[in-house]
Amino acid sequence: MNMIVKAAALASAATAVSASPTERPSADAALLEMEERIFEHKEAAQAINPELDRLRAIWEGESLRLFDEARALVGDVVETEDQLRQRYAQVDAMPECIEHKRLLDLQDTHWDSADELVSRMWALPAQTPEGRRSKLLVLLGYIMDEFWRHQDDHHKTSYEIKRARALMIEFVGGEPSAQLRDQFS
């Protein structure tokens, strides 16, 4: 589980205990549930990457081997469209290439599900600091690129990111804001 998801879980638990009666986490329960599911889909999609990389290396290597073999036979003559299609068909028929495509489709189902949850989440207004924290973590941990997730003292964290993130955390308010601030300090 990554750092942002862990922080989200800790913040959820702390807010559930310390929220005032007018700011019960149940007011944003749907947001918190969507946040959790978004990060579950992200984690599942990313877990497929090592196998995708392994399979891609195999079929790309075979594609290059076939290309080099064809070039050795005919020299620097450009392949015809038929030769090119034939080479691609050979590679596409490889079990590694077929499995790679299947895993890409599986990964896409996770990304599509997470994207759908983000759309639904953004349609709901956050009513508590915990709900705002939830939406901010999805923004930083799922939507924005990796530079938004580095701590403030990391060499890749620009001045602009530090200022924008600090303002967003301030807008969260309450105890969840303090927990977010600690996470990036």
Protein backbone atom coordinates (compact mmCIF):
# COMPACT_ATOMS: atom_id res chain seq x y z
CA MET A 1 0.00 0.00 0.00
CA ASN A 2 1.50 3.33 -0.95
CA MET A 3 2.15 6.27 1.36
CA ILE A 4 -0.88 8.28 0.23
CA VAL A 5 -3.29 5.39 0.75
CA LYS A 6 -1.84 4.71 4.22
CA ALA A 7 -2.18 8.36 5.15
CA ALA A 8 -5.77 8.30 3.93
CA ALA A 9 -6.58 5.34 6.14
CA LEU A 10 -4.99 6.98 9.18
CA ALA A 11 -6.77 10.25 8.54
CA SER A 12 -10.11 8.46 8.15
CA ALA A 13 -9.68 6.66 11.45
CA ALA A 14 -8.58 9.79 13.31
CA THR A 15 -11.44 11.85 11.96
CA ALA A 16 -14.00 9.20 12.85
CA VAL A 17 -12.93 9.50 16.48
CA SER A 18 -12.45 13.27 16.67
CA ALA A 19 -15.17 14.71 14.41
CA SER A 20 -17.70 17.05 15.96
CA PRO A 21 -21.40 16.08 15.73
CA THR A 22 -21.91 18.60 12.92
CA GLU A 23 -18.99 17.13 10.93
CA ARG A 24 -19.59 13.40 11.15
CA PRO A 25 -17.58 11.40 8.60
CA SER A 26 -20.84 9.70 7.60
CA ALA A 27 -21.75 12.93 5.78
CA ASP A 28 -18.98 12.07 3.32
CA ALA A 29 -19.09 8.28 3.64
CA ALA A 30 -19.63 7.86 -0.11
CA LEU A 31 -16.53 9.94 -0.86
CA LEU A 32 -14.42 7.91 1.57
CA GLU A 33 -15.62 4.64 0.05
CA MET A 34 -14.90 5.87 -3.49
CA GLU A 35 -11.43 7.03 -2.43
CA GLU A 36 -10.64 3.57 -1.10
CA ARG A 37 -11.93 1.85 -4.23
CA ILE A 38 -10.03 4.25 -6.54
CA PHE A 39 -6.75 3.40 -4.83
CA GLU A 40 -7.57 -0.33 -4.87
CA HIS A 41 -8.05 -0.14 -8.66
CA LYS A 42 -4.86 1.89 -9.06
CA GLU A 43 -2.89 -0.65 -7.02
CA ALA A 44 -4.36 -3.58 -8.99
CA ALA A 45 -3.60 -1.89 -12.32
CA GLN A 46 -0.03 -1.08 -11.34
CA ALA A 47 0.56 -4.62 -10.03
CA ILE A 48 0.27 -5.84 -13.62
CA ASN A 49 3.15 -3.64 -14.85
CA PRO A 50 6.08 -6.00 -14.10
CA GLU A 51 4.49 -8.84 -16.09
CA LEU A 52 3.60 -6.45 -18.92
CA ASP A 53 7.22 -5.29 -19.04
CA ARG A 54 8.51 -8.86 -19.09
CA LEU A 55 6.17 -9.93 -21.88
CA ARG A 56 6.82 -6.76 -23.90
CA ALA A 57 10.56 -7.39 -23.75
CA ILE A 58 10.01 -10.88 -25.19
CA TRP A 59 7.80 -9.96 -28.12
CA GLU A 60 9.68 -6.74 -28.90
CA GLY A 61 12.92 -8.74 -28.88
CA GLU A 62 11.43 -11.22 -31.32
CA SER A 63 10.17 -8.40 -33.53
CA LEU A 64 13.67 -6.89 -33.64
CA ARG A 65 15.20 -10.30 -34.33
CA LEU A 66 12.85 -10.85 -37.27
CA PHE A 67 13.60 -7.36 -38.58
CA ASP A 68 17.37 -7.93 -38.32
CA GLU A 69 16.98 -11.31 -39.99
CA ALA A 70 15.04 -9.77 -42.89
CA ARG A 71 17.58 -6.97 -43.22
CA ALA A 72 20.45 -9.48 -43.30
CA LEU A 73 18.75 -11.28 -46.20
CA VAL A 74 17.92 -8.24 -48.34
CA GLY A 75 20.33 -5.59 -47.11
CA ASP A 76 19.14 -2.03 -46.63
CA VAL A 77 16.14 -2.53 -48.91
CA VAL A 78 12.98 -1.24 -47.26
CA GLU A 79 10.43 -3.88 -46.34
CA THR A 80 7.29 -4.05 -48.40
CA GLU A 81 3.90 -3.62 -46.74
CA ASP A 82 3.29 -7.36 -47.09
CA GLN A 83 6.61 -8.24 -45.46
CA LEU A 84 5.90 -5.83 -42.64
CA ARG A 85 2.39 -7.24 -42.09
CA GLN A 86 3.80 -10.76 -42.12
CA ARG A 87 6.38 -9.89 -39.48
CA TYR A 88 3.73 -8.23 -37.30
CA ALA A 89 1.45 -11.25 -37.73
CA GLN A 90 4.25 -13.55 -36.53
CA VAL A 91 4.80 -11.44 -33.46
CA ASP A 92 1.05 -11.02 -32.80
CA ALA A 93 0.65 -14.81 -32.82
CA MET A 94 3.24 -15.29 -30.07
CA PRO A 95 1.76 -16.45 -26.74
CA GLU A 96 3.66 -13.63 -25.00
CA CYS A 97 2.09 -11.02 -27.26
CA ILE A 98 -1.39 -12.49 -26.81
CA GLU A 99 -0.96 -12.55 -23.02
CA HIS A 100 0.39 -9.00 -23.10
CA LYS A 101 -2.76 -7.80 -24.88
CA ARG A 102 -4.97 -9.69 -22.41
CA LEU A 103 -3.20 -8.10 -19.45
CA LEU A 104 -3.47 -4.64 -21.03
CA ASP A 105 -7.23 -5.15 -21.33
CA LEU A 106 -7.39 -6.29 -17.70
CA GLN A 107 -5.37 -3.27 -16.62
CA ASP A 108 -7.64 -0.98 -18.63
CA THR A 109 -10.69 -2.31 -16.76
CA HIS A 110 -9.07 -1.17 -13.50
CA TRP A 111 -8.14 2.26 -14.89
CA ASP A 112 -11.63 2.69 -16.40
CA SER A 113 -13.30 1.71 -13.12
CA ALA A 114 -11.12 4.14 -11.18
CA ASP A 115 -11.83 6.92 -13.70
CA GLU A 116 -15.58 6.29 -13.37
CA LEU A 117 -15.30 6.51 -9.58
CA VAL A 118 -13.36 9.77 -9.87
CA SER A 119 -16.13 11.21 -12.05
CA ARG A 120 -18.76 10.16 -9.54
CA MET A 121 -16.65 11.48 -6.65
CA TRP A 122 -16.18 14.87 -8.29
CA ALA A 123 -19.95 15.19 -8.73
CA LEU A 124 -20.45 14.99 -4.94
CA PRO A 125 -19.62 18.06 -2.86
CA ALA A 126 -17.45 17.37 0.18
CA GLN A 127 -19.23 18.36 3.38
CA THR A 128 -16.50 17.82 5.97
CA PRO A 129 -12.73 18.26 6.25
CA GLU A 130 -12.51 14.47 5.94
CA GLY A 131 -14.43 14.55 2.65
CA ARG A 132 -12.21 17.35 1.34
CA ARG A 133 -9.14 15.35 2.43
CA SER A 134 -10.49 12.37 0.54
CA LYS A 135 -10.92 14.34 -2.66
CA LEU A 136 -7.51 15.98 -2.29
CA LEU A 137 -5.80 12.61 -1.84
CA VAL A 138 -7.46 11.31 -4.99
CA LEU A 139 -6.33 14.44 -6.81
CA LEU A 140 -2.73 14.13 -5.57
CA GLY A 141 -2.45 10.35 -5.51
CA TYR A 142 -4.37 9.36 -8.60
CA ILE A 143 -4.95 12.28 -10.96
CA MET A 144 -1.77 14.38 -10.67
CA ASP A 145 1.67 13.13 -11.67
CA GLU A 146 4.31 11.85 -9.27
CA PHE A 147 5.87 15.27 -8.64
CA TRP A 148 2.79 16.25 -6.61
CA ARG A 149 3.39 13.34 -4.21
CA HIS A 150 6.97 14.09 -3.18
CA GLN A 151 7.66 15.62 0.20
CA ASP A 152 8.39 19.35 0.33
CA ASP A 153 12.14 18.86 0.75
CA HIS A 154 12.43 16.48 -2.23
CA HIS A 155 14.56 17.91 -5.06
CA LYS A 156 11.76 17.30 -7.62
CA THR A 157 9.17 19.30 -5.68
CA SER A 158 8.95 22.69 -7.35
CA TYR A 159 8.08 25.93 -5.61
CA GLU A 160 4.78 26.05 -7.50
CA ILE A 161 3.77 22.56 -6.37
CA LYS A 162 4.67 23.32 -2.75
CA ARG A 163 2.56 26.49 -2.76
CA ALA A 164 -0.43 24.95 -4.57
CA ARG A 165 -0.40 21.87 -2.37
CA ALA A 166 -0.12 23.96 0.81
CA LEU A 167 -3.14 26.01 -0.25
CA MET A 168 -5.17 22.92 -1.07
CA ILE A 169 -4.28 21.39 2.30
CA GLU A 170 -5.29 24.63 4.03
CA PHE A 171 -8.68 24.47 2.29
CA VAL A 172 -9.23 20.94 3.64
CA GLY A 173 -9.32 22.30 7.19
CA GLY A 174 -9.59 20.54 10.53
CA GLU A 175 -7.49 17.61 11.72
CA PRO A 176 -7.32 16.04 8.23
CA SER A 177 -5.51 19.19 7.08
CA ALA A 178 -2.87 18.81 9.80
CA GLN A 179 -2.38 15.15 8.89
CA LEU A 180 -1.91 16.01 5.23
CA ARG A 181 0.52 18.79 6.10
CA ASP A 182 2.57 16.33 8.19
CA GLN A 183 2.62 13.83 5.34
CA PHE A 184 4.33 16.23 2.95
CA SER A 185 6.61 18.02 5.47
